[in-house]
Amino acid sequence: MPILENLPCLRVLKLKQNSYLGRKLACVGLSSFPELKVLHLKSMYWLDEWTMGAGAMPKLESLIVNPCAYLRKLPEELWCIKSLRKLAYTGPRHS
């Protein structure tokens, strides 16, 4: 993630089918994903914690998170992104 978050022209990032195997996802730099507009996290089964720094993903417009079995909450910093227009979240299934 440290390499991806510093790509200056990255606008769409789709992480699917366990393409990221870490339990924690951190986007903490002030300039993390400076041009990212679309983020799609799909079937990230092991992800259980996502943290963001203030100022990360400043141009994010669309976020899709579906099913991430252990991810219980989205980062609070998402609600400060003024460009965020679409959020689709499918939370974990409980038995």
PDB file of N, CA and C in Angstrom:
ATOM      1  N   MET A   1       0.803  -1.202   0.000  1.00  0.00           N
ATOM      2  CA  MET A   1       0.000   0.000   0.000  1.00  0.00           C
ATOM      3  C   MET A   1       0.848   1.270   0.000  1.00  0.00           C
ATOM      4  N   PRO A   2       2.002   1.289   0.666  1.00  0.00           N
ATOM      5  CA  PRO A   2       2.795   2.522   0.638  1.00  0.00           C
ATOM      6  C   PRO A   2       3.179   2.953  -0.777  1.00  0.00           C
ATOM      7  N   ILE A   3       3.372   2.013  -1.680  1.00  0.00           N
ATOM      8  CA  ILE A   3       3.705   2.352  -3.059  1.00  0.00           C
ATOM      9  C   ILE A   3       2.466   2.876  -3.775  1.00  0.00           C
ATOM     10  N   LEU A   4       1.337   2.180  -3.627  1.00  0.00           N
ATOM     11  CA  LEU A   4       0.108   2.585  -4.308  1.00  0.00           C
ATOM     12  C   LEU A   4      -0.371   3.959  -3.866  1.00  0.00           C
ATOM     13  N   GLU A   5      -0.301   4.236  -2.571  1.00  0.00           N
ATOM     14  CA  GLU A   5      -0.847   5.496  -2.080  1.00  0.00           C
ATOM     15  C   GLU A   5      -0.057   6.716  -2.532  1.00  0.00           C
ATOM     16  N   ASN A   6       1.125   6.508  -3.057  1.00  0.00           N
ATOM     17  CA  ASN A   6       1.934   7.632  -3.520  1.00  0.00           C
ATOM     18  C   ASN A   6       1.979   7.772  -5.039  1.00  0.00           C
ATOM     19  N   LEU A   7       1.201   6.964  -5.764  1.00  0.00           N
ATOM     20  CA  LEU A   7       1.140   7.107  -7.217  1.00  0.00           C
ATOM     21  C   LEU A   7       0.346   8.373  -7.547  1.00  0.00           C
ATOM     22  N   PRO A   8       0.964   9.340  -8.201  1.00  0.00           N
ATOM     23  CA  PRO A   8       0.330  10.638  -8.380  1.00  0.00           C
ATOM     24  C   PRO A   8      -0.866  10.661  -9.336  1.00  0.00           C
ATOM     25  N   CYS A   9      -0.976   9.684 -10.225  1.00  0.00           N
ATOM     26  CA  CYS A   9      -2.064   9.709 -11.217  1.00  0.00           C
ATOM     27  C   CYS A   9      -3.096   8.600 -11.016  1.00  0.00           C
ATOM     28  N   LEU A  10      -3.021   7.855  -9.922  1.00  0.00           N
ATOM     29  CA  LEU A  10      -3.960   6.757  -9.674  1.00  0.00           C
ATOM     30  C   LEU A  10      -5.345   7.328  -9.369  1.00  0.00           C
ATOM     31  N   ARG A  11      -6.315   6.978 -10.213  1.00  0.00           N
ATOM     32  CA  ARG A  11      -7.672   7.500 -10.044  1.00  0.00           C
ATOM     33  C   ARG A  11      -8.677   6.429  -9.650  1.00  0.00           C
ATOM     34  N   VAL A  12      -8.420   5.186 -10.048  1.00  0.00           N
ATOM     35  CA  VAL A  12      -9.321   4.077  -9.734  1.00  0.00           C
ATOM     36  C   VAL A  12      -8.497   2.940  -9.151  1.00  0.00           C
ATOM     37  N   LEU A  13      -8.931   2.431  -8.003  1.00  0.00           N
ATOM     38  CA  LEU A  13      -8.257   1.297  -7.374  1.00  0.00           C
ATOM     39  C   LEU A  13      -9.307   0.270  -6.985  1.00  0.00           C
ATOM     40  N   LYS A  14      -9.204  -0.905  -7.564  1.00  0.00           N
ATOM     41  CA  LYS A  14     -10.121  -2.004  -7.253  1.00  0.00           C
ATOM     42  C   LYS A  14      -9.300  -3.154  -6.699  1.00  0.00           C
ATOM     43  N   LEU A  15      -9.484  -3.425  -5.431  1.00  0.00           N
ATOM     44  CA  LEU A  15      -8.815  -4.544  -4.781  1.00  0.00           C
ATOM     45  C   LEU A  15      -9.861  -5.630  -4.584  1.00  0.00           C
ATOM     46  N   LYS A  16      -9.667  -6.757  -5.268  1.00  0.00           N
ATOM     47  CA  LYS A  16     -10.681  -7.808  -5.260  1.00  0.00           C
ATOM     48  C   LYS A  16     -10.079  -9.153  -4.908  1.00  0.00           C
ATOM     49  N   GLN A  17     -10.928 -10.020  -4.419  1.00  0.00           N
ATOM     50  CA  GLN A  17     -10.613 -11.429  -4.171  1.00  0.00           C
ATOM     51  C   GLN A  17      -9.274 -11.624  -3.449  1.00  0.00           C
ATOM     52  N   ASN A  18      -9.161 -11.019  -2.288  1.00  0.00           N
ATOM     53  CA  ASN A  18      -7.968 -11.164  -1.461  1.00  0.00           C
ATOM     54  C   ASN A  18      -6.690 -10.702  -2.145  1.00  0.00           C
ATOM     55  N   SER A  19      -6.769  -9.681  -2.968  1.00  0.00           N
ATOM     56  CA  SER A  19      -5.569  -9.137  -3.597  1.00  0.00           C
ATOM     57  C   SER A  19      -4.674  -8.441  -2.570  1.00  0.00           C
ATOM     58  N   TYR A  20      -5.239  -8.117  -1.425  1.00  0.00           N
ATOM     59  CA  TYR A  20      -4.486  -7.577  -0.297  1.00  0.00           C
ATOM     60  C   TYR A  20      -4.740  -8.512   0.873  1.00  0.00           C
ATOM     61  N   LEU A  21      -3.688  -9.131   1.392  1.00  0.00           N
ATOM     62  CA  LEU A  21      -3.866 -10.161   2.417  1.00  0.00           C
ATOM     63  C   LEU A  21      -3.627  -9.670   3.840  1.00  0.00           C
ATOM     64  N   GLY A  22      -3.307  -8.406   4.015  1.00  0.00           N
ATOM     65  CA  GLY A  22      -3.080  -7.889   5.359  1.00  0.00           C
ATOM     66  C   GLY A  22      -4.366  -7.786   6.160  1.00  0.00           C
ATOM     67  N   ARG A  23      -4.233  -7.788   7.474  1.00  0.00           N
ATOM     68  CA  ARG A  23      -5.386  -7.627   8.352  1.00  0.00           C
ATOM     69  C   ARG A  23      -5.702  -6.149   8.567  1.00  0.00           C
ATOM     70  N   LYS A  24      -4.697  -5.300   8.340  1.00  0.00           N
ATOM     71  CA  LYS A  24      -4.884  -3.863   8.550  1.00  0.00           C
ATOM     72  C   LYS A  24      -4.544  -3.115   7.270  1.00  0.00           C
ATOM     73  N   LEU A  25      -5.373  -2.161   6.950  1.00  0.00           N
ATOM     74  CA  LEU A  25      -5.164  -1.302   5.787  1.00  0.00           C
ATOM     75  C   LEU A  25      -4.971   0.109   6.320  1.00  0.00           C
ATOM     76  N   ALA A  26      -3.835   0.709   6.028  1.00  0.00           N
ATOM     77  CA  ALA A  26      -3.541   2.044   6.546  1.00  0.00           C
ATOM     78  C   ALA A  26      -3.234   2.996   5.397  1.00  0.00           C
ATOM     79  N   CYS A  27      -3.938   4.082   5.361  1.00  0.00           N
ATOM     80  CA  CYS A  27      -3.722   5.163   4.402  1.00  0.00           C
ATOM     81  C   CYS A  27      -3.534   6.414   5.245  1.00  0.00           C
ATOM     82  N   VAL A  28      -2.348   6.585   5.754  1.00  0.00           N
ATOM     83  CA  VAL A  28      -2.168   7.588   6.801  1.00  0.00           C
ATOM     84  C   VAL A  28      -1.411   8.832   6.387  1.00  0.00           C
ATOM     85  N   GLY A  29      -0.763   8.818   5.253  1.00  0.00           N
ATOM     86  CA  GLY A  29      -0.015   9.999   4.833  1.00  0.00           C
ATOM     87  C   GLY A  29      -0.941  11.152   4.477  1.00  0.00           C
ATOM     88  N   LEU A  30      -0.477  12.357   4.652  1.00  0.00           N
ATOM     89  CA  LEU A  30      -1.286  13.532   4.314  1.00  0.00           C
ATOM     90  C   LEU A  30      -1.616  13.583   2.830  1.00  0.00           C
ATOM     91  N   SER A  31      -0.751  12.997   2.017  1.00  0.00           N
ATOM     92  CA  SER A  31      -0.996  13.007   0.581  1.00  0.00           C
ATOM     93  C   SER A  31      -1.291  11.598   0.054  1.00  0.00           C
ATOM     94  N   SER A  32      -1.862  10.742   0.883  1.00  0.00           N
ATOM     95  CA  SER A  32      -2.202   9.388   0.453  1.00  0.00           C
ATOM     96  C   SER A  32      -3.283   9.423  -0.608  1.00  0.00           C
ATOM     97  N   PHE A  33      -3.030   8.787  -1.740  1.00  0.00           N
ATOM     98  CA  PHE A  33      -3.975   8.696  -2.850  1.00  0.00           C
ATOM     99  C   PHE A  33      -4.500  10.080  -3.244  1.00  0.00           C
ATOM    100  N   PRO A  34      -3.627  10.972  -3.684  1.00  0.00           N
ATOM    101  CA  PRO A  34      -4.033  12.351  -3.930  1.00  0.00           C
ATOM    102  C   PRO A  34      -5.063  12.536  -5.052  1.00  0.00           C
ATOM    103  N   GLU A  35      -5.114  11.647  -6.028  1.00  0.00           N
ATOM    104  CA  GLU A  35      -6.045  11.794  -7.150  1.00  0.00           C
ATOM    105  C   GLU A  35      -7.108  10.701  -7.191  1.00  0.00           C
ATOM    106  N   LEU A  36      -7.149   9.811  -6.216  1.00  0.00           N
ATOM    107  CA  LEU A  36      -8.061   8.674  -6.232  1.00  0.00           C
ATOM    108  C   LEU A  36      -9.515   9.132  -6.195  1.00  0.00           C
ATOM    109  N   LYS A  37     -10.304   8.634  -7.149  1.00  0.00           N
ATOM    110  CA  LYS A  37     -11.722   8.986  -7.216  1.00  0.00           C
ATOM    111  C   LYS A  37     -12.622   7.798  -6.920  1.00  0.00           C
ATOM    112  N   VAL A  38     -12.157   6.574  -7.223  1.00  0.00           N
ATOM    113  CA  VAL A  38     -12.957   5.371  -7.019  1.00  0.00           C
ATOM    114  C   VAL A  38     -12.131   4.344  -6.261  1.00  0.00           C
ATOM    115  N   LEU A  39     -12.675   3.836  -5.166  1.00  0.00           N
ATOM    116  CA  LEU A  39     -12.048   2.762  -4.406  1.00  0.00           C
ATOM    117  C   LEU A  39     -13.064   1.648  -4.228  1.00  0.00           C
ATOM    118  N   HIS A  40     -12.665   0.443  -4.629  1.00  0.00           N
ATOM    119  CA  HIS A  40     -13.540  -0.720  -4.525  1.00  0.00           C
ATOM    120  C   HIS A  40     -12.786  -1.802  -3.770  1.00  0.00           C
ATOM    121  N   LEU A  41     -13.293  -2.176  -2.620  1.00  0.00           N
ATOM    122  CA  LEU A  41     -12.731  -3.268  -1.825  1.00  0.00           C
ATOM    123  C   LEU A  41     -13.737  -4.411  -1.859  1.00  0.00           C
ATOM    124  N   LYS A  42     -13.365  -5.516  -2.482  1.00  0.00           N
ATOM    125  CA  LYS A  42     -14.300  -6.628  -2.622  1.00  0.00           C
ATOM    126  C   LYS A  42     -13.638  -7.921  -2.163  1.00  0.00           C
ATOM    127  N   SER A  43     -14.361  -8.638  -1.332  1.00  0.00           N
ATOM    128  CA  SER A  43     -13.926  -9.950  -0.854  1.00  0.00           C
ATOM    129  C   SER A  43     -12.529  -9.911  -0.237  1.00  0.00           C
ATOM    130  N   MET A  44     -12.312  -8.928   0.590  1.00  0.00           N
ATOM    131  CA  MET A  44     -11.062  -8.815   1.333  1.00  0.00           C
ATOM    132  C   MET A  44     -11.299  -9.502   2.680  1.00  0.00           C
ATOM    133  N   TYR A  45     -11.306 -10.815   2.643  1.00  0.00           N
ATOM    134  CA  TYR A  45     -11.782 -11.612   3.776  1.00  0.00           C
ATOM    135  C   TYR A  45     -11.000 -11.408   5.065  1.00  0.00           C
ATOM    136  N   TRP A  46      -9.723 -11.108   5.002  1.00  0.00           N
ATOM    137  CA  TRP A  46      -8.930 -11.017   6.229  1.00  0.00           C
ATOM    138  C   TRP A  46      -8.849  -9.605   6.785  1.00  0.00           C
ATOM    139  N   LEU A  47      -9.301  -8.635   6.033  1.00  0.00           N
ATOM    140  CA  LEU A  47      -9.211  -7.241   6.474  1.00  0.00           C
ATOM    141  C   LEU A  47     -10.123  -7.001   7.676  1.00  0.00           C
ATOM    142  N   ASP A  48      -9.539  -6.547   8.789  1.00  0.00           N
ATOM    143  CA  ASP A  48     -10.375  -6.276   9.963  1.00  0.00           C
ATOM    144  C   ASP A  48     -10.214  -4.862  10.513  1.00  0.00           C
ATOM    145  N   GLU A  49      -9.264  -4.094   9.970  1.00  0.00           N
ATOM    146  CA  GLU A  49      -9.092  -2.722  10.447  1.00  0.00           C
ATOM    147  C   GLU A  49      -8.619  -1.837   9.293  1.00  0.00           C
ATOM    148  N   TRP A  50      -9.270  -0.696   9.154  1.00  0.00           N
ATOM    149  CA  TRP A  50      -8.895   0.267   8.116  1.00  0.00           C
ATOM    150  C   TRP A  50      -8.742   1.613   8.784  1.00  0.00           C
ATOM    151  N   THR A  51      -7.558   2.207   8.649  1.00  0.00           N
ATOM    152  CA  THR A  51      -7.307   3.523   9.227  1.00  0.00           C
ATOM    153  C   THR A  51      -6.913   4.497   8.113  1.00  0.00           C
ATOM    154  N   MET A  52      -7.308   5.738   8.304  1.00  0.00           N
ATOM    155  CA  MET A  52      -6.988   6.807   7.366  1.00  0.00           C
ATOM    156  C   MET A  52      -6.479   8.010   8.135  1.00  0.00           C
ATOM    157  N   GLY A  53      -5.547   8.708   7.527  1.00  0.00           N
ATOM    158  CA  GLY A  53      -5.085   9.962   8.101  1.00  0.00           C
ATOM    159  C   GLY A  53      -5.934  11.107   7.589  1.00  0.00           C
ATOM    160  N   ALA A  54      -5.947  12.187   8.320  1.00  0.00           N
ATOM    161  CA  ALA A  54      -6.661  13.386   7.865  1.00  0.00           C
ATOM    162  C   ALA A  54      -6.007  13.861   6.580  1.00  0.00           C
ATOM    163  N   GLY A  55      -6.801  14.111   5.567  1.00  0.00           N
ATOM    164  CA  GLY A  55      -6.275  14.576   4.295  1.00  0.00           C
ATOM    165  C   GLY A  55      -6.022  13.478   3.279  1.00  0.00           C
ATOM    166  N   ALA A  56      -6.177  12.222   3.677  1.00  0.00           N
ATOM    167  CA  ALA A  56      -6.003  11.116   2.733  1.00  0.00           C
ATOM    168  C   ALA A  56      -7.212  11.053   1.792  1.00  0.00           C
ATOM    169  N   MET A  57      -6.980  10.663   0.555  1.00  0.00           N
ATOM    170  CA  MET A  57      -8.022  10.497  -0.462  1.00  0.00           C
ATOM    171  C   MET A  57      -8.901  11.739  -0.605  1.00  0.00           C
ATOM    172  N   PRO A  58      -8.329  12.896  -0.800  1.00  0.00           N
ATOM    173  CA  PRO A  58      -9.126  14.123  -0.805  1.00  0.00           C
ATOM    174  C   PRO A  58     -10.122  14.243  -1.959  1.00  0.00           C
ATOM    175  N   LYS A  59      -9.943  13.470  -3.031  1.00  0.00           N
ATOM    176  CA  LYS A  59     -10.830  13.573  -4.193  1.00  0.00           C
ATOM    177  C   LYS A  59     -11.720  12.352  -4.374  1.00  0.00           C
ATOM    178  N   LEU A  60     -11.795  11.503  -3.363  1.00  0.00           N
ATOM    179  CA  LEU A  60     -12.594  10.280  -3.455  1.00  0.00           C
ATOM    180  C   LEU A  60     -14.062  10.621  -3.694  1.00  0.00           C
ATOM    181  N   GLU A  61     -14.648  10.016  -4.730  1.00  0.00           N
ATOM    182  CA  GLU A  61     -16.050  10.246  -5.066  1.00  0.00           C
ATOM    183  C   GLU A  61     -16.915   9.017  -4.821  1.00  0.00           C
ATOM    184  N   SER A  62     -16.332   7.830  -4.992  1.00  0.00           N
ATOM    185  CA  SER A  62     -17.106   6.598  -4.904  1.00  0.00           C
ATOM    186  C   SER A  62     -16.339   5.545  -4.113  1.00  0.00           C
ATOM    187  N   LEU A  63     -17.000   4.982  -3.108  1.00  0.00           N
ATOM    188  CA  LEU A  63     -16.413   3.919  -2.295  1.00  0.00           C
ATOM    189  C   LEU A  63     -17.377   2.746  -2.269  1.00  0.00           C
ATOM    190  N   ILE A  64     -16.870   1.579  -2.648  1.00  0.00           N
ATOM    191  CA  ILE A  64     -17.663   0.357  -2.615  1.00  0.00           C
ATOM    192  C   ILE A  64     -16.913  -0.656  -1.767  1.00  0.00           C
ATOM    193  N   VAL A  65     -17.555  -1.125  -0.721  1.00  0.00           N
ATOM    194  CA  VAL A  65     -16.967  -2.132   0.158  1.00  0.00           C
ATOM    195  C   VAL A  65     -17.971  -3.254   0.265  1.00  0.00           C
ATOM    196  N   ASN A  66     -17.610  -4.438  -0.233  1.00  0.00           N
ATOM    197  CA  ASN A  66     -18.515  -5.573  -0.128  1.00  0.00           C
ATOM    198  C   ASN A  66     -17.764  -6.868  -0.037  1.00  0.00           C
ATOM    199  N   PRO A  67     -18.349  -7.857   0.422  1.00  0.00           N
ATOM    200  CA  PRO A  67     -18.228  -8.271   1.802  1.00  0.00           C
ATOM    201  C   PRO A  67     -16.786  -8.441   2.259  1.00  0.00           C
ATOM    202  N   CYS A  68     -16.497  -7.763   3.314  1.00  0.00           N
ATOM    203  CA  CYS A  68     -15.230  -7.910   4.023  1.00  0.00           C
ATOM    204  C   CYS A  68     -15.620  -8.479   5.379  1.00  0.00           C
ATOM    205  N   ALA A  69     -15.462  -9.768   5.529  1.00  0.00           N
ATOM    206  CA  ALA A  69     -16.042 -10.524   6.637  1.00  0.00           C
ATOM    207  C   ALA A  69     -15.715  -9.991   8.033  1.00  0.00           C
ATOM    208  N   TYR A  70     -14.529  -9.436   8.223  1.00  0.00           N
ATOM    209  CA  TYR A  70     -14.132  -9.015   9.568  1.00  0.00           C
ATOM    210  C   TYR A  70     -14.088  -7.504   9.755  1.00  0.00           C
ATOM    211  N   LEU A  71     -14.284  -6.752   8.692  1.00  0.00           N
ATOM    212  CA  LEU A  71     -14.244  -5.293   8.799  1.00  0.00           C
ATOM    213  C   LEU A  71     -15.531  -4.800   9.451  1.00  0.00           C
ATOM    214  N   ARG A  72     -15.428  -4.283  10.647  1.00  0.00           N
ATOM    215  CA  ARG A  72     -16.600  -3.888  11.431  1.00  0.00           C
ATOM    216  C   ARG A  72     -17.006  -2.435  11.251  1.00  0.00           C
ATOM    217  N   LYS A  73     -16.051  -1.566  10.871  1.00  0.00           N
ATOM    218  CA  LYS A  73     -16.399  -0.153  10.717  1.00  0.00           C
ATOM    219  C   LYS A  73     -15.493   0.503   9.686  1.00  0.00           C
ATOM    220  N   LEU A  74     -16.006   1.578   9.138  1.00  0.00           N
ATOM    221  CA  LEU A  74     -15.257   2.379   8.184  1.00  0.00           C
ATOM    222  C   LEU A  74     -14.563   3.511   8.936  1.00  0.00           C
ATOM    223  N   PRO A  75     -13.453   4.025   8.399  1.00  0.00           N
ATOM    224  CA  PRO A  75     -12.745   5.103   9.089  1.00  0.00           C
ATOM    225  C   PRO A  75     -13.599   6.363   9.214  1.00  0.00           C
ATOM    226  N   GLU A  76     -13.529   7.000  10.343  1.00  0.00           N
ATOM    227  CA  GLU A  76     -14.269   8.243  10.588  1.00  0.00           C
ATOM    228  C   GLU A  76     -13.851   9.345   9.615  1.00  0.00           C
ATOM    229  N   GLU A  77     -12.604   9.311   9.167  1.00  0.00           N
ATOM    230  CA  GLU A  77     -12.091  10.348   8.270  1.00  0.00           C
ATOM    231  C   GLU A  77     -12.813  10.380   6.924  1.00  0.00           C
ATOM    232  N   LEU A  78     -13.485   9.289   6.564  1.00  0.00           N
ATOM    233  CA  LEU A  78     -14.251   9.268   5.308  1.00  0.00           C
ATOM    234  C   LEU A  78     -15.313  10.357   5.281  1.00  0.00           C
ATOM    235  N   TRP A  79     -15.911  10.641   6.417  1.00  0.00           N
ATOM    236  CA  TRP A  79     -17.022  11.594   6.468  1.00  0.00           C
ATOM    237  C   TRP A  79     -16.557  13.033   6.293  1.00  0.00           C
ATOM    238  N   CYS A  80     -15.249  13.248   6.298  1.00  0.00           N
ATOM    239  CA  CYS A  80     -14.696  14.590   6.081  1.00  0.00           C
ATOM    240  C   CYS A  80     -14.357  14.843   4.613  1.00  0.00           C
ATOM    241  N   ILE A  81     -14.496  13.838   3.776  1.00  0.00           N
ATOM    242  CA  ILE A  81     -14.175  13.985   2.353  1.00  0.00           C
ATOM    243  C   ILE A  81     -15.384  14.601   1.648  1.00  0.00           C
ATOM    244  N   LYS A  82     -15.262  15.835   1.259  1.00  0.00           N
ATOM    245  CA  LYS A  82     -16.384  16.582   0.682  1.00  0.00           C
ATOM    246  C   LYS A  82     -16.792  16.084  -0.694  1.00  0.00           C
ATOM    247  N   SER A  83     -15.878  15.452  -1.413  1.00  0.00           N
ATOM    248  CA  SER A  83     -16.186  14.976  -2.767  1.00  0.00           C
ATOM    249  C   SER A  83     -16.899  13.618  -2.772  1.00  0.00           C
ATOM    250  N   LEU A  84     -16.972  12.933  -1.630  1.00  0.00           N
ATOM    251  CA  LEU A  84     -17.579  11.600  -1.565  1.00  0.00           C
ATOM    252  C   LEU A  84     -19.078  11.684  -1.848  1.00  0.00           C
ATOM    253  N   ARG A  85     -19.487  11.053  -2.947  1.00  0.00           N
ATOM    254  CA  ARG A  85     -20.881  11.103  -3.381  1.00  0.00           C
ATOM    255  C   ARG A  85     -21.578   9.755  -3.321  1.00  0.00           C
ATOM    256  N   LYS A  86     -20.817   8.679  -3.437  1.00  0.00           N
ATOM    257  CA  LYS A  86     -21.419   7.344  -3.480  1.00  0.00           C
ATOM    258  C   LYS A  86     -20.709   6.435  -2.488  1.00  0.00           C
ATOM    259  N   LEU A  87     -21.501   5.780  -1.651  1.00  0.00           N
ATOM    260  CA  LEU A  87     -20.978   4.810  -0.711  1.00  0.00           C
ATOM    261  C   LEU A  87     -21.869   3.581  -0.746  1.00  0.00           C
ATOM    262  N   ALA A  88     -21.285   2.460  -1.059  1.00  0.00           N
ATOM    263  CA  ALA A  88     -22.002   1.184  -1.028  1.00  0.00           C
ATOM    264  C   ALA A  88     -21.228   0.276  -0.092  1.00  0.00           C
ATOM    265  N   TYR A  89     -21.853  -0.124   0.991  1.00  0.00           N
ATOM    266  CA  TYR A  89     -21.190  -0.927   2.018  1.00  0.00           C
ATOM    267  C   TYR A  89     -22.026  -2.144   2.349  1.00  0.00           C
ATOM    268  N   THR A  90     -21.427  -3.295   2.212  1.00  0.00           N
ATOM    269  CA  THR A  90     -22.053  -4.537   2.639  1.00  0.00           C
ATOM    270  C   THR A  90     -21.223  -5.035   3.806  1.00  0.00           C
ATOM    271  N   GLY A  91     -21.800  -4.979   4.980  1.00  0.00           N
ATOM    272  CA  GLY A  91     -21.083  -5.369   6.183  1.00  0.00           C
ATOM    273  C   GLY A  91     -20.961  -6.866   6.332  1.00  0.00           C
ATOM    274  N   PRO A  92     -20.287  -7.293   7.389  1.00  0.00           N
ATOM    275  CA  PRO A  92     -20.104  -8.723   7.630  1.00  0.00           C
ATOM    276  C   PRO A  92     -21.433  -9.405   7.945  1.00  0.00           C
ATOM    277  N   ARG A  93     -21.509 -10.647   7.559  1.00  0.00           N
ATOM    278  CA  ARG A  93     -22.699 -11.433   7.859  1.00  0.00           C
ATOM    279  C   ARG A  93     -22.549 -12.092   9.218  1.00  0.00           C
ATOM    280  N   HIS A  94     -23.573 -12.026   9.988  1.00  0.00           N
ATOM    281  CA  HIS A  94     -23.542 -12.619  11.320  1.00  0.00           C
ATOM    282  C   HIS A  94     -24.391 -13.871  11.317  1.00  0.00           C
ATOM    283  N   SER A  95     -23.883 -14.889  11.970  1.00  0.00           N
ATOM    284  CA  SER A  95     -24.675 -16.129  12.042  1.00  0.00           C
ATOM    285  C   SER A  95     -25.626 -16.112  13.209  1.00  0.00           C
TER     286      SER A  95
END
